[in-house]
Amino acid sequence: MSSHGLLLIVALCWITIAAAVGIHASGRGRSGFVWGLVTFLLGVFGVVVYLLALLLTDDPEDGADGDDAPDRFRRCPACATRHDGTPNFCAECGEPLDEGNDVVDARLLRSGSRGYCSNCKTQVALDADGCPDCGAAF
């Protein structure tokens, strides 16, 4: 095999790995283009940097500890006061509360100029107070 053929095979493998990293990053809410470009420019070192970034930035509260149940709180429909536990009445205004007032406690995940709900991964506005899909509060 000529040196040009070997160089072509290495280049195709390098591009394929960079594309795979970009696709994986995009699926995890990160910038696929940036991570693909970093991997392409840095080669194997770029893959190592990406894997380290995954390990260091993945939040153990997102289900990695084996507890997939989201945290909940009870919100008063009248005054929007947040109550931990399951009170039957709002401590601020006295409004009756029940299971229908339970809300999932989530976070707004930011990825570049996009925002995502940490509960259902739906794309939301960066200034949103809650998720329109699952009803989680940020």
Protein backbone atom coordinates (compact mmCIF):
# COMPACT_ATOMS: atom_id res chain seq x y z
CA MET A 1 0.00 0.00 0.00
CA SER A 2 1.35 3.40 -0.92
CA SER A 3 1.89 6.17 1.61
CA HIS A 4 -0.94 8.17 -0.01
CA GLY A 5 -3.39 5.29 0.54
CA LEU A 6 -2.36 4.93 4.17
CA LEU A 7 -2.65 8.68 4.71
CA LEU A 8 -6.17 8.63 3.21
CA ILE A 9 -7.25 5.80 5.52
CA VAL A 10 -5.89 7.62 8.60
CA ALA A 11 -7.63 10.85 7.54
CA LEU A 12 -10.97 9.05 7.04
CA CYS A 13 -10.68 7.39 10.46
CA TRP A 14 -9.80 10.73 12.04
CA ILE A 15 -12.82 12.44 10.44
CA THR A 16 -15.11 9.54 11.44
CA ILE A 17 -14.01 9.72 15.07
CA ALA A 18 -14.47 13.51 15.13
CA ALA A 19 -17.97 13.13 13.64
CA ALA A 20 -18.87 10.43 16.19
CA VAL A 21 -17.74 12.65 19.07
CA GLY A 22 -19.74 15.55 17.60
CA ILE A 23 -22.88 13.43 17.31
CA HIS A 24 -22.46 12.09 20.84
CA ALA A 25 -21.91 15.58 22.24
CA SER A 26 -24.95 16.91 20.42
CA GLY A 27 -27.09 14.09 21.84
CA ARG A 28 -26.02 15.08 25.36
CA GLY A 29 -27.00 18.74 24.93
CA ARG A 30 -23.51 19.99 24.15
CA SER A 31 -22.25 21.70 21.02
CA GLY A 32 -21.59 18.88 18.57
CA PHE A 33 -19.82 21.15 16.10
CA VAL A 34 -17.38 22.47 18.69
CA TRP A 35 -16.55 19.05 20.14
CA GLY A 36 -16.20 17.53 16.66
CA LEU A 37 -13.86 20.35 15.66
CA VAL A 38 -11.82 20.01 18.87
CA THR A 39 -11.51 16.27 18.28
CA PHE A 40 -10.55 16.79 14.64
CA LEU A 41 -7.87 19.35 15.51
CA LEU A 42 -6.46 17.50 18.52
CA GLY A 43 -6.91 13.90 17.35
CA VAL A 44 -6.81 11.25 20.07
CA PHE A 45 -6.01 13.94 22.64
CA GLY A 46 -9.33 15.62 21.67
CA VAL A 47 -11.22 12.42 22.43
CA VAL A 48 -9.51 12.25 25.83
CA VAL A 49 -10.42 15.89 26.53
CA TYR A 50 -14.05 15.21 25.57
CA LEU A 51 -14.25 12.13 27.81
CA LEU A 52 -12.73 14.07 30.72
CA ALA A 53 -15.22 16.88 30.14
CA LEU A 54 -18.06 14.35 30.29
CA LEU A 55 -16.79 12.91 33.55
CA LEU A 56 -16.23 16.29 35.16
CA THR A 57 -19.46 17.98 34.03
CA ASP A 58 -22.03 15.19 34.33
CA ASP A 59 -24.19 15.91 37.36
CA PRO A 60 -24.60 12.93 39.73
CA GLU A 61 -28.02 14.31 40.65
CA ASP A 62 -29.26 13.49 37.12
CA GLY A 63 -29.82 9.83 37.94
CA ALA A 64 -26.25 8.51 38.06
CA ASP A 65 -26.68 7.63 41.74
CA GLY A 66 -29.44 5.16 40.90
CA ASP A 67 -32.26 7.37 42.19
CA ASP A 68 -34.27 8.30 39.11
CA ALA A 69 -37.19 9.82 41.05
CA PRO A 70 -37.27 13.59 40.57
CA ASP A 71 -37.50 15.84 43.62
CA ARG A 72 -40.95 17.30 44.19
CA PHE A 73 -42.40 20.15 46.19
CA ARG A 74 -45.91 21.48 46.72
CA ARG A 75 -46.71 24.90 45.20
CA CYS A 76 -49.65 26.98 46.29
CA PRO A 77 -51.88 27.77 43.29
CA ALA A 78 -52.95 31.10 44.82
CA CYS A 79 -49.65 32.69 45.91
CA ALA A 80 -47.02 30.34 44.36
CA THR A 81 -45.34 29.70 47.74
CA ARG A 82 -43.07 26.67 47.70
CA HIS A 83 -43.69 24.04 50.42
CA ASP A 84 -41.44 21.10 51.19
CA GLY A 85 -43.25 18.00 52.33
CA THR A 86 -47.00 17.50 51.87
CA PRO A 87 -48.89 20.18 53.81
CA ASN A 88 -52.64 20.38 53.40
CA PHE A 89 -52.75 24.19 53.58
CA CYS A 90 -50.47 27.00 52.40
CA ALA A 91 -48.46 28.56 55.24
CA GLU A 92 -48.66 32.00 53.59
CA CYS A 93 -52.29 32.38 52.48
CA GLY A 94 -54.14 29.34 53.88
CA GLU A 95 -55.14 27.96 50.45
CA PRO A 96 -55.97 24.21 50.55
CA LEU A 97 -53.26 22.02 48.96
CA ASP A 98 -53.31 18.44 47.71
CA GLU A 99 -51.36 16.10 45.38
CA GLY A 100 -52.53 18.13 42.39
CA ASN A 101 -50.29 20.97 43.57
CA ASP A 102 -47.12 18.85 43.56
CA VAL A 103 -44.48 20.12 41.13
CA VAL A 104 -41.24 18.53 39.93
CA ASP A 105 -38.15 20.47 40.98
CA ALA A 106 -35.85 20.77 37.95
CA ARG A 107 -33.05 22.95 36.66
CA LEU A 108 -32.60 24.93 33.50
CA LEU A 109 -29.65 23.37 31.68
CA ARG A 110 -27.77 25.79 29.43
CA SER A 111 -25.95 24.75 26.29
CA GLY A 112 -24.71 27.71 24.31
CA SER A 113 -27.72 29.81 23.39
CA ARG A 114 -30.19 27.01 24.16
CA GLY A 115 -31.89 25.96 27.37
CA TYR A 116 -33.17 22.50 28.32
CA CYS A 117 -35.32 21.10 31.13
CA SER A 118 -33.26 18.79 33.37
CA ASN A 119 -36.33 16.62 33.97
CA CYS A 120 -37.50 15.82 30.42
CA LYS A 121 -34.71 17.39 28.27
CA THR A 122 -37.20 19.53 26.32
CA GLN A 123 -35.74 22.69 24.80
CA VAL A 124 -37.01 25.77 26.67
CA ALA A 125 -36.32 29.50 26.61
CA LEU A 126 -33.31 30.60 28.68
CA ASP A 127 -35.54 32.90 30.76
CA ALA A 128 -38.25 30.27 31.43
CA ASP A 129 -39.48 29.69 34.99
CA GLY A 130 -40.73 26.21 34.17
CA CYS A 131 -41.04 23.53 31.49
CA PRO A 132 -44.08 23.73 29.21
CA ASP A 133 -43.92 19.97 28.52
CA CYS A 134 -43.57 18.30 31.93
CA GLY A 135 -44.54 21.23 34.19
CA ALA A 136 -41.27 21.16 36.15
CA ALA A 137 -40.29 24.35 37.96
CA PHE A 138 -36.82 25.87 37.59
